PDB file of N, CA and C in Angstrom:
ATOM      1  N   MET A   1       0.821  -1.196   0.000  1.00  0.00           N
ATOM      2  CA  MET A   1       0.000   0.000   0.000  1.00  0.00           C
ATOM      3  C   MET A   1       0.866   1.262   0.000  1.00  0.00           C
ATOM      4  N   GLY A   2       1.824   1.352   0.925  1.00  0.00           N
ATOM      5  CA  GLY A   2       2.690   2.524   0.996  1.00  0.00           C
ATOM      6  C   GLY A   2       3.488   2.719  -0.272  1.00  0.00           C
ATOM      7  N   GLU A   3       3.985   1.610  -0.844  1.00  0.00           N
ATOM      8  CA  GLU A   3       4.764   1.718  -2.079  1.00  0.00           C
ATOM      9  C   GLU A   3       3.880   2.217  -3.214  1.00  0.00           C
ATOM     10  N   LEU A   4       2.635   1.748  -3.265  1.00  0.00           N
ATOM     11  CA  LEU A   4       1.707   2.201  -4.306  1.00  0.00           C
ATOM     12  C   LEU A   4       1.437   3.697  -4.171  1.00  0.00           C
ATOM     13  N   VAL A   5       1.225   4.160  -2.954  1.00  0.00           N
ATOM     14  CA  VAL A   5       1.018   5.594  -2.717  1.00  0.00           C
ATOM     15  C   VAL A   5       2.241   6.376  -3.172  1.00  0.00           C
ATOM     16  N   PHE A   6       3.426   5.891  -2.801  1.00  0.00           N
ATOM     17  CA  PHE A   6       4.673   6.555  -3.161  1.00  0.00           C
ATOM     18  C   PHE A   6       4.827   6.617  -4.677  1.00  0.00           C
ATOM     19  N   ARG A   7       4.606   5.490  -5.359  1.00  0.00           N
ATOM     20  CA  ARG A   7       4.736   5.463  -6.824  1.00  0.00           C
ATOM     21  C   ARG A   7       3.721   6.398  -7.485  1.00  0.00           C
ATOM     22  N   ASN A   8       2.485   6.384  -7.009  1.00  0.00           N
ATOM     23  CA  ASN A   8       1.462   7.264  -7.584  1.00  0.00           C
ATOM     24  C   ASN A   8       1.817   8.725  -7.380  1.00  0.00           C
ATOM     25  N   MET A   9       2.322   9.054  -6.201  1.00  0.00           N
ATOM     26  CA  MET A   9       2.719  10.431  -5.908  1.00  0.00           C
ATOM     27  C   MET A   9       3.847  10.861  -6.845  1.00  0.00           C
ATOM     28  N   ILE A  10       4.853  10.010  -7.000  1.00  0.00           N
ATOM     29  CA  ILE A  10       5.964  10.320  -7.900  1.00  0.00           C
ATOM     30  C   ILE A  10       5.461  10.437  -9.334  1.00  0.00           C
ATOM     31  N   GLN A  11       4.636   9.491  -9.772  1.00  0.00           N
ATOM     32  CA  GLN A  11       4.121   9.494 -11.143  1.00  0.00           C
ATOM     33  C   GLN A  11       3.343  10.774 -11.431  1.00  0.00           C
ATOM     34  N   GLN A  12       2.429  11.135 -10.553  1.00  0.00           N
ATOM     35  CA  GLN A  12       1.616  12.330 -10.772  1.00  0.00           C
ATOM     36  C   GLN A  12       2.467  13.586 -10.822  1.00  0.00           C
ATOM     37  N   ASN A  13       3.420  13.680  -9.949  1.00  0.00           N
ATOM     38  CA  ASN A  13       4.215  14.902  -9.877  1.00  0.00           C
ATOM     39  C   ASN A  13       5.280  14.970 -10.954  1.00  0.00           C
ATOM     40  N   THR A  14       5.781  13.843 -11.423  1.00  0.00           N
ATOM     41  CA  THR A  14       6.719  13.900 -12.541  1.00  0.00           C
ATOM     42  C   THR A  14       5.975  14.269 -13.819  1.00  0.00           C
ATOM     43  N   GLU A  15       4.732  13.856 -13.936  1.00  0.00           N
ATOM     44  CA  GLU A  15       3.940  14.267 -15.094  1.00  0.00           C
ATOM     45  C   GLU A  15       3.674  15.767 -15.042  1.00  0.00           C
ATOM     46  N   LEU A  16       3.336  16.278 -13.873  1.00  0.00           N
ATOM     47  CA  LEU A  16       3.099  17.718 -13.730  1.00  0.00           C
ATOM     48  C   LEU A  16       4.345  18.527 -14.052  1.00  0.00           C
ATOM     49  N   ALA A  17       5.501  17.980 -13.710  1.00  0.00           N
ATOM     50  CA  ALA A  17       6.757  18.688 -13.950  1.00  0.00           C
ATOM     51  C   ALA A  17       7.271  18.455 -15.365  1.00  0.00           C
ATOM     52  N   ASP A  18       6.534  17.699 -16.166  1.00  0.00           N
ATOM     53  CA  ASP A  18       6.877  17.463 -17.561  1.00  0.00           C
ATOM     54  C   ASP A  18       8.218  16.750 -17.714  1.00  0.00           C
ATOM     55  N   PHE A  19       8.425  15.689 -16.939  1.00  0.00           N
ATOM     56  CA  PHE A  19       9.626  14.877 -17.094  1.00  0.00           C
ATOM     57  C   PHE A  19       9.545  14.144 -18.422  1.00  0.00           C
ATOM     58  N   ASP A  20      10.682  13.984 -19.085  1.00  0.00           N
ATOM     59  CA  ASP A  20      10.675  13.222 -20.325  1.00  0.00           C
ATOM     60  C   ASP A  20      10.831  11.736 -20.010  1.00  0.00           C
ATOM     61  N   GLN A  21      10.756  10.894 -21.046  1.00  0.00           N
ATOM     62  CA  GLN A  21      10.772   9.440 -20.871  1.00  0.00           C
ATOM     63  C   GLN A  21      12.043   8.949 -20.182  1.00  0.00           C
ATOM     64  N   SER A  22      13.197   9.488 -20.521  1.00  0.00           N
ATOM     65  CA  SER A  22      14.443   9.033 -19.892  1.00  0.00           C
ATOM     66  C   SER A  22      14.461   9.392 -18.408  1.00  0.00           C
ATOM     67  N   GLU A  23      13.880  10.537 -18.060  1.00  0.00           N
ATOM     68  CA  GLU A  23      13.817  10.923 -16.646  1.00  0.00           C
ATOM     69  C   GLU A  23      12.867  10.013 -15.876  1.00  0.00           C
ATOM     70  N   HIS A  24      11.766   9.588 -16.529  1.00  0.00           N
ATOM     71  CA  HIS A  24      10.867   8.622 -15.897  1.00  0.00           C
ATOM     72  C   HIS A  24      11.616   7.319 -15.639  1.00  0.00           C
ATOM     73  N   LYS A  25      12.425   6.887 -16.600  1.00  0.00           N
ATOM     74  CA  LYS A  25      13.184   5.643 -16.440  1.00  0.00           C
ATOM     75  C   LYS A  25      14.203   5.765 -15.321  1.00  0.00           C
ATOM     76  N   GLU A  26      14.866   6.916 -15.212  1.00  0.00           N
ATOM     77  CA  GLU A  26      15.812   7.136 -14.113  1.00  0.00           C
ATOM     78  C   GLU A  26      15.095   7.072 -12.778  1.00  0.00           C
ATOM     79  N   MET A  27      13.908   7.663 -12.705  1.00  0.00           N
ATOM     80  CA  MET A  27      13.138   7.643 -11.466  1.00  0.00           C
ATOM     81  C   MET A  27      12.747   6.214 -11.114  1.00  0.00           C
ATOM     82  N   GLU A  28      12.320   5.448 -12.093  1.00  0.00           N
ATOM     83  CA  GLU A  28      11.963   4.051 -11.857  1.00  0.00           C
ATOM     84  C   GLU A  28      13.168   3.252 -11.378  1.00  0.00           C
ATOM     85  N   ALA A  29      14.329   3.496 -11.972  1.00  0.00           N
ATOM     86  CA  ALA A  29      15.545   2.792 -11.554  1.00  0.00           C
ATOM     87  C   ALA A  29      15.889   3.135 -10.106  1.00  0.00           C
ATOM     88  N   LEU A  30      15.756   4.391  -9.749  1.00  0.00           N
ATOM     89  CA  LEU A  30      16.024   4.792  -8.368  1.00  0.00           C
ATOM     90  C   LEU A  30      15.016   4.147  -7.422  1.00  0.00           C
ATOM     91  N   LEU A  31      13.742   4.161  -7.792  1.00  0.00           N
ATOM     92  CA  LEU A  31      12.714   3.567  -6.940  1.00  0.00           C
ATOM     93  C   LEU A  31      12.967   2.086  -6.700  1.00  0.00           C
ATOM     94  N   ALA A  32      13.527   1.405  -7.690  1.00  0.00           N
ATOM     95  CA  ALA A  32      13.837  -0.015  -7.530  1.00  0.00           C
ATOM     96  C   ALA A  32      14.901  -0.235  -6.464  1.00  0.00           C
ATOM     97  N   GLU A  33      15.753   0.747  -6.237  1.00  0.00           N
ATOM     98  CA  GLU A  33      16.831   0.642  -5.251  1.00  0.00           C
ATOM     99  C   GLU A  33      16.377   0.986  -3.829  1.00  0.00           C
ATOM    100  N   VAL A  34      15.297   1.734  -3.709  1.00  0.00           N
ATOM    101  CA  VAL A  34      14.842   2.205  -2.401  1.00  0.00           C
ATOM    102  C   VAL A  34      14.009   1.116  -1.726  1.00  0.00           C
ATOM    103  N   SER A  35      14.294   0.854  -0.457  1.00  0.00           N
ATOM    104  CA  SER A  35      13.557  -0.176   0.279  1.00  0.00           C
ATOM    105  C   SER A  35      12.097   0.238   0.456  1.00  0.00           C
ATOM    106  N   VAL A  36      11.236  -0.751   0.605  1.00  0.00           N
ATOM    107  CA  VAL A  36       9.817  -0.491   0.823  1.00  0.00           C
ATOM    108  C   VAL A  36       9.637   0.341   2.092  1.00  0.00           C
ATOM    109  N   GLN A  37      10.365  -0.004   3.131  1.00  0.00           N
ATOM    110  CA  GLN A  37      10.284   0.745   4.397  1.00  0.00           C
ATOM    111  C   GLN A  37      10.600   2.228   4.176  1.00  0.00           C
ATOM    112  N   ASP A  38      11.656   2.513   3.408  1.00  0.00           N
ATOM    113  CA  ASP A  38      12.032   3.904   3.149  1.00  0.00           C
ATOM    114  C   ASP A  38      10.993   4.610   2.287  1.00  0.00           C
ATOM    115  N   LYS A  39      10.418   3.896   1.323  1.00  0.00           N
ATOM    116  CA  LYS A  39       9.371   4.489   0.485  1.00  0.00           C
ATOM    117  C   LYS A  39       8.162   4.885   1.328  1.00  0.00           C
ATOM    118  N   ILE A  40       7.772   3.996   2.224  1.00  0.00           N
ATOM    119  CA  ILE A  40       6.626   4.275   3.086  1.00  0.00           C
ATOM    120  C   ILE A  40       6.922   5.465   3.988  1.00  0.00           C
ATOM    121  N   SER A  41       8.107   5.476   4.558  1.00  0.00           N
ATOM    122  CA  SER A  41       8.507   6.567   5.449  1.00  0.00           C
ATOM    123  C   SER A  41       8.457   7.914   4.730  1.00  0.00           C
ATOM    124  N   VAL A  42       9.012   7.962   3.534  1.00  0.00           N
ATOM    125  CA  VAL A  42       9.032   9.202   2.756  1.00  0.00           C
ATOM    126  C   VAL A  42       7.618   9.607   2.334  1.00  0.00           C
ATOM    127  N   ALA A  43       6.836   8.643   1.869  1.00  0.00           N
ATOM    128  CA  ALA A  43       5.472   8.952   1.431  1.00  0.00           C
ATOM    129  C   ALA A  43       4.642   9.520   2.574  1.00  0.00           C
ATOM    130  N   MET A  44       4.769   8.920   3.743  1.00  0.00           N
ATOM    131  CA  MET A  44       4.012   9.408   4.894  1.00  0.00           C
ATOM    132  C   MET A  44       4.477  10.801   5.308  1.00  0.00           C
ATOM    133  N   MET A  45       5.775  11.009   5.270  1.00  0.00           N
ATOM    134  CA  MET A  45       6.316  12.307   5.649  1.00  0.00           C
ATOM    135  C   MET A  45       5.851  13.389   4.662  1.00  0.00           C
ATOM    136  N   ILE A  46       5.962  13.091   3.376  1.00  0.00           N
ATOM    137  CA  ILE A  46       5.622  14.074   2.346  1.00  0.00           C
ATOM    138  C   ILE A  46       4.132  14.387   2.339  1.00  0.00           C
ATOM    139  N   THR A  47       3.313  13.343   2.315  1.00  0.00           N
ATOM    140  CA  THR A  47       1.870  13.580   2.239  1.00  0.00           C
ATOM    141  C   THR A  47       1.324  14.202   3.513  1.00  0.00           C
ATOM    142  N   GLY A  48       2.012  13.989   4.618  1.00  0.00           N
ATOM    143  CA  GLY A  48       1.567  14.565   5.876  1.00  0.00           C
ATOM    144  C   GLY A  48       1.995  16.005   6.084  1.00  0.00           C
ATOM    145  N   LYS A  49       3.014  16.445   5.353  1.00  0.00           N
ATOM    146  CA  LYS A  49       3.585  17.769   5.615  1.00  0.00           C
ATOM    147  C   LYS A  49       3.481  18.751   4.450  1.00  0.00           C
ATOM    148  N   LEU A  50       3.418  18.241   3.217  1.00  0.00           N
ATOM    149  CA  LEU A  50       3.434  19.124   2.046  1.00  0.00           C
ATOM    150  C   LEU A  50       2.108  19.079   1.301  1.00  0.00           C
ATOM    151  N   SER A  51       1.694  20.220   0.792  1.00  0.00           N
ATOM    152  CA  SER A  51       0.501  20.278  -0.059  1.00  0.00           C
ATOM    153  C   SER A  51       0.872  19.806  -1.465  1.00  0.00           C
ATOM    154  N   GLY A  52      -0.124  19.557  -2.280  1.00  0.00           N
ATOM    155  CA  GLY A  52       0.128  19.176  -3.669  1.00  0.00           C
ATOM    156  C   GLY A  52       0.927  20.239  -4.402  1.00  0.00           C
ATOM    157  N   SER A  53       0.621  21.487  -4.121  1.00  0.00           N
ATOM    158  CA  SER A  53       1.350  22.598  -4.732  1.00  0.00           C
ATOM    159  C   SER A  53       2.811  22.610  -4.284  1.00  0.00           C
ATOM    160  N   ASP A  54       3.037  22.356  -2.982  1.00  0.00           N
ATOM    161  CA  ASP A  54       4.410  22.292  -2.468  1.00  0.00           C
ATOM    162  C   ASP A  54       5.200  21.193  -3.171  1.00  0.00           C
ATOM    163  N   ILE A  55       4.568  20.028  -3.310  1.00  0.00           N
ATOM    164  CA  ILE A  55       5.236  18.883  -3.938  1.00  0.00           C
ATOM    165  C   ILE A  55       5.576  19.207  -5.384  1.00  0.00           C
ATOM    166  N   SER A  56       4.631  19.776  -6.115  1.00  0.00           N
ATOM    167  CA  SER A  56       4.878  20.134  -7.518  1.00  0.00           C
ATOM    168  C   SER A  56       6.023  21.129  -7.642  1.00  0.00           C
ATOM    169  N   THR A  57       6.060  22.098  -6.745  1.00  0.00           N
ATOM    170  CA  THR A  57       7.136  23.091  -6.756  1.00  0.00           C
ATOM    171  C   THR A  57       8.485  22.426  -6.532  1.00  0.00           C
ATOM    172  N   MET A  58       8.567  21.547  -5.551  1.00  0.00           N
ATOM    173  CA  MET A  58       9.835  20.877  -5.242  1.00  0.00           C
ATOM    174  C   MET A  58      10.275  19.974  -6.398  1.00  0.00           C
ATOM    175  N   VAL A  59       9.326  19.249  -6.994  1.00  0.00           N
ATOM    176  CA  VAL A  59       9.663  18.379  -8.127  1.00  0.00           C
ATOM    177  C   VAL A  59      10.190  19.215  -9.284  1.00  0.00           C
ATOM    178  N   GLN A  60       9.561  20.345  -9.554  1.00  0.00           N
ATOM    179  CA  GLN A  60      10.015  21.212 -10.645  1.00  0.00           C
ATOM    180  C   GLN A  60      11.423  21.728 -10.382  1.00  0.00           C
ATOM    181  N   LEU A  61      11.714  22.097  -9.157  1.00  0.00           N
ATOM    182  CA  LEU A  61      13.060  22.571  -8.820  1.00  0.00           C
ATOM    183  C   LEU A  61      14.097  21.485  -9.067  1.00  0.00           C
ATOM    184  N   VAL A  62      13.790  20.273  -8.638  1.00  0.00           N
ATOM    185  CA  VAL A  62      14.723  19.159  -8.833  1.00  0.00           C
ATOM    186  C   VAL A  62      14.868  18.849 -10.314  1.00  0.00           C
ATOM    187  N   ARG A  63      13.769  18.904 -11.042  1.00  0.00           N
ATOM    188  CA  ARG A  63      13.795  18.582 -12.466  1.00  0.00           C
ATOM    189  C   ARG A  63      14.714  19.536 -13.228  1.00  0.00           C
ATOM    190  N   ASP A  64      14.677  20.803 -12.874  1.00  0.00           N
ATOM    191  CA  ASP A  64      15.495  21.789 -13.573  1.00  0.00           C
ATOM    192  C   ASP A  64      16.986  21.531 -13.383  1.00  0.00           C
ATOM    193  N   GLY A  65      17.329  20.853 -12.303  1.00  0.00           N
ATOM    194  CA  GLY A  65      18.712  20.430 -12.119  1.00  0.00           C
ATOM    195  C   GLY A  65      19.613  21.445 -11.451  1.00  0.00           C
ATOM    196  N   GLN A  66      19.647  22.651 -11.953  1.00  0.00           N
ATOM    197  CA  GLN A  66      20.545  23.659 -11.394  1.00  0.00           C
ATOM    198  C   GLN A  66      19.717  24.726 -10.690  1.00  0.00           C
ATOM    199  N   LEU A  67      19.816  24.725  -9.376  1.00  0.00           N
ATOM    200  CA  LEU A  67      19.064  25.688  -8.586  1.00  0.00           C
ATOM    201  C   LEU A  67      19.854  26.975  -8.419  1.00  0.00           C
ATOM    202  N   THR A  68      19.165  28.078  -8.553  1.00  0.00           N
ATOM    203  CA  THR A  68      19.799  29.354  -8.221  1.00  0.00           C
ATOM    204  C   THR A  68      19.878  29.440  -6.700  1.00  0.00           C
ATOM    205  N   SER A  69      20.676  30.353  -6.200  1.00  0.00           N
ATOM    206  CA  SER A  69      20.770  30.494  -4.743  1.00  0.00           C
ATOM    207  C   SER A  69      19.419  30.898  -4.155  1.00  0.00           C
ATOM    208  N   GLU A  70      18.652  31.692  -4.891  1.00  0.00           N
ATOM    209  CA  GLU A  70      17.323  32.087  -4.417  1.00  0.00           C
ATOM    210  C   GLU A  70      16.384  30.879  -4.359  1.00  0.00           C
ATOM    211  N   GLU A  71      16.427  30.018  -5.383  1.00  0.00           N
ATOM    212  CA  GLU A  71      15.586  28.818  -5.388  1.00  0.00           C
ATOM    213  C   GLU A  71      15.970  27.883  -4.242  1.00  0.00           C
ATOM    214  N   LYS A  72      17.275  27.726  -4.004  1.00  0.00           N
ATOM    215  CA  LYS A  72      17.730  26.891  -2.884  1.00  0.00           C
ATOM    216  C   LYS A  72      17.211  27.452  -1.571  1.00  0.00           C
ATOM    217  N   GLN A  73      17.312  28.760  -1.412  1.00  0.00           N
ATOM    218  CA  GLN A  73      16.851  29.402  -0.183  1.00  0.00           C
ATOM    219  C   GLN A  73      15.349  29.201  -0.007  1.00  0.00           C
ATOM    220  N   ASN A  74      14.580  29.390  -1.081  1.00  0.00           N
ATOM    221  CA  ASN A  74      13.128  29.206  -1.014  1.00  0.00           C
ATOM    222  C   ASN A  74      12.764  27.765  -0.675  1.00  0.00           C
ATOM    223  N   ALA A  75      13.464  26.816  -1.290  1.00  0.00           N
ATOM    224  CA  ALA A  75      13.209  25.400  -1.018  1.00  0.00           C
ATOM    225  C   ALA A  75      13.517  25.073   0.439  1.00  0.00           C
ATOM    226  N   MET A  76      14.638  25.549   0.936  1.00  0.00           N
ATOM    227  CA  MET A  76      15.019  25.290   2.324  1.00  0.00           C
ATOM    228  C   MET A  76      14.029  25.933   3.297  1.00  0.00           C
ATOM    229  N   GLU A  77      13.579  27.133   2.983  1.00  0.00           N
ATOM    230  CA  GLU A  77      12.596  27.796   3.847  1.00  0.00           C
ATOM    231  C   GLU A  77      11.297  26.997   3.898  1.00  0.00           C
ATOM    232  N   LEU A  78      10.864  26.499   2.743  1.00  0.00           N
ATOM    233  CA  LEU A  78       9.650  25.690   2.691  1.00  0.00           C
ATOM    234  C   LEU A  78       9.819  24.432   3.539  1.00  0.00           C
ATOM    235  N   LEU A  79      10.946  23.743   3.350  1.00  0.00           N
ATOM    236  CA  LEU A  79      11.185  22.518   4.114  1.00  0.00           C
ATOM    237  C   LEU A  79      11.257  22.801   5.612  1.00  0.00           C
ATOM    238  N   GLU A  80      11.933  23.873   5.981  1.00  0.00           N
ATOM    239  CA  GLU A  80      12.061  24.212   7.402  1.00  0.00           C
ATOM    240  C   GLU A  80      10.720  24.609   8.019  1.00  0.00           C
ATOM    241  N   GLN A  81       9.829  25.187   7.208  1.00  0.00           N
ATOM    242  CA  GLN A  81       8.499  25.557   7.702  1.00  0.00           C
ATOM    243  C   GLN A  81       7.616  24.328   7.907  1.00  0.00           C
ATOM    244  N   ARG A  82       7.758  23.356   7.019  1.00  0.00           N
ATOM    245  CA  ARG A  82       6.849  22.210   7.020  1.00  0.00           C
ATOM    246  C   ARG A  82       7.346  21.023   7.859  1.00  0.00           C
ATOM    247  N   PHE A  83       8.665  20.858   7.958  1.00  0.00           N
ATOM    248  CA  PHE A  83       9.228  19.677   8.608  1.00  0.00           C
ATOM    249  C   PHE A  83       9.908  20.023   9.923  1.00  0.00           C
ATOM    250  N   THR A  84       9.858  19.080  10.858  1.00  0.00           N
ATOM    251  CA  THR A  84      10.572  19.231  12.123  1.00  0.00           C
ATOM    252  C   THR A  84      12.053  18.942  11.888  1.00  0.00           C
ATOM    253  N   ALA A  85      12.874  19.268  12.865  1.00  0.00           N
ATOM    254  CA  ALA A  85      14.308  18.962  12.778  1.00  0.00           C
ATOM    255  C   ALA A  85      14.513  17.454  12.635  1.00  0.00           C
ATOM    256  N   GLU A  86      13.693  16.672  13.317  1.00  0.00           N
ATOM    257  CA  GLU A  86      13.786  15.209  13.218  1.00  0.00           C
ATOM    258  C   GLU A  86      13.453  14.739  11.799  1.00  0.00           C
ATOM    259  N   ASP A  87      12.402  15.310  11.199  1.00  0.00           N
ATOM    260  CA  ASP A  87      12.037  14.971   9.817  1.00  0.00           C
ATOM    261  C   ASP A  87      13.185  15.291   8.866  1.00  0.00           C
ATOM    262  N   LEU A  88      13.760  16.476   9.017  1.00  0.00           N
ATOM    263  CA  LEU A  88      14.856  16.895   8.135  1.00  0.00           C
ATOM    264  C   LEU A  88      16.058  15.973   8.287  1.00  0.00           C
ATOM    265  N   GLN A  89      16.320  15.512   9.499  1.00  0.00           N
ATOM    266  CA  GLN A  89      17.431  14.584   9.704  1.00  0.00           C
ATOM    267  C   GLN A  89      17.153  13.250   9.009  1.00  0.00           C
ATOM    268  N   LYS A  90      15.902  12.786   9.055  1.00  0.00           N
ATOM    269  CA  LYS A  90      15.535  11.548   8.356  1.00  0.00           C
ATOM    270  C   LYS A  90      15.755  11.702   6.855  1.00  0.00           C
ATOM    271  N   ILE A  91      15.384  12.861   6.322  1.00  0.00           N
ATOM    272  CA  ILE A  91      15.578  13.118   4.891  1.00  0.00           C
ATOM    273  C   ILE A  91      17.066  13.115   4.554  1.00  0.00           C
ATOM    274  N   LYS A  92      17.871  13.771   5.374  1.00  0.00           N
ATOM    275  CA  LYS A  92      19.325  13.789   5.155  1.00  0.00           C
ATOM    276  C   LYS A  92      19.900  12.384   5.222  1.00  0.00           C
ATOM    277  N   ASP A  93      19.436  11.590   6.185  1.00  0.00           N
ATOM    278  CA  ASP A  93      19.918  10.213   6.317  1.00  0.00           C
ATOM    279  C   ASP A  93      19.576   9.385   5.079  1.00  0.00           C
ATOM    280  N   LEU A  94      18.358   9.554   4.566  1.00  0.00           N
ATOM    281  CA  LEU A  94      17.964   8.827   3.356  1.00  0.00           C
ATOM    282  C   LEU A  94      18.772   9.292   2.151  1.00  0.00           C
ATOM    283  N   TYR A  95      19.016  10.582   2.060  1.00  0.00           N
ATOM    284  CA  TYR A  95      19.851  11.096   0.972  1.00  0.00           C
ATOM    285  C   TYR A  95      21.228  10.446   1.025  1.00  0.00           C
ATOM    286  N   GLU A  96      21.830  10.417   2.205  1.00  0.00           N
ATOM    287  CA  GLU A  96      23.155   9.806   2.352  1.00  0.00           C
ATOM    288  C   GLU A  96      23.121   8.335   1.958  1.00  0.00           C
ATOM    289  N   LYS A  97      22.052   7.659   2.312  1.00  0.00           N
ATOM    290  CA  LYS A  97      21.921   6.230   2.023  1.00  0.00           C
ATOM    291  C   LYS A  97      21.852   5.958   0.519  1.00  0.00           C
ATOM    292  N   TYR A  98      21.171   6.835  -0.229  1.00  0.00           N
ATOM    293  CA  TYR A  98      20.916   6.582  -1.651  1.00  0.00           C
ATOM    294  C   TYR A  98      21.629   7.534  -2.605  1.00  0.00           C
ATOM    295  N   LYS A  99      22.437   8.451  -2.114  1.00  0.00           N
ATOM    296  CA  LYS A  99      22.996   9.503  -2.968  1.00  0.00           C
ATOM    297  C   LYS A  99      23.838   8.977  -4.122  1.00  0.00           C
ATOM    298  N   ASP A 100      24.493   7.852  -3.955  1.00  0.00           N
ATOM    299  CA  ASP A 100      25.310   7.302  -5.039  1.00  0.00           C
ATOM    300  C   ASP A 100      24.466   6.745  -6.177  1.00  0.00           C
ATOM    301  N   LYS A 101      23.181   6.559  -5.946  1.00  0.00           N
ATOM    302  CA  LYS A 101      22.283   6.010  -6.957  1.00  0.00           C
ATOM    303  C   LYS A 101      21.473   7.094  -7.662  1.00  0.00           C
ATOM    304  N   ILE A 102      21.613   8.342  -7.195  1.00  0.00           N
ATOM    305  CA  ILE A 102      20.817   9.451  -7.730  1.00  0.00           C
ATOM    306  C   ILE A 102      21.582  10.179  -8.823  1.00  0.00           C
ATOM    307  N   SER A 103      20.901  10.391  -9.944  1.00  0.00           N
ATOM    308  CA  SER A 103      21.472  11.175 -11.033  1.00  0.00           C
ATOM    309  C   SER A 103      20.461  12.257 -11.381  1.00  0.00           C
ATOM    310  N   ILE A 104      20.661  13.461 -10.860  1.00  0.00           N
ATOM    311  CA  ILE A 104      19.711  14.555 -11.104  1.00  0.00           C
ATOM    312  C   ILE A 104      20.324  15.563 -12.061  1.00  0.00           C
ATOM    313  N   VAL A 105      20.911  15.094 -13.105  1.00  0.00           N
ATOM    314  CA  VAL A 105      21.483  15.983 -14.107  1.00  0.00           C
ATOM    315  C   VAL A 105      20.614  15.881 -15.346  1.00  0.00           C
ATOM    316  N   PRO A 106      20.008  16.993 -15.780  1.00  0.00           N
ATOM    317  CA  PRO A 106      19.096  16.941 -16.932  1.00  0.00           C
ATOM    318  C   PRO A 106      19.809  16.558 -18.216  1.00  0.00           C
TER     319      PRO A 106
END
């Protein structure tokens, strides 16, 4: 159930951000590497803290690949407003766990 929610959330938001086919394939490859437990954790955190508009904004920023300093600041402010310090640490831990598998270069 959690994995289905996570996949649907990613699918809907990558479509909104106009990802091309190769980017969809990269996302699928990354999702295959992420444990079910981590997918559920992220899905619950995201859906519990961010609005659909927030999610679309964040996906678009990531899709563009190169963030300006203003975009980085805005993204960090949004995350700091919505997430607790504990949530942010969980996100950082997951990033560290999977960072070698992530390719966010357009």
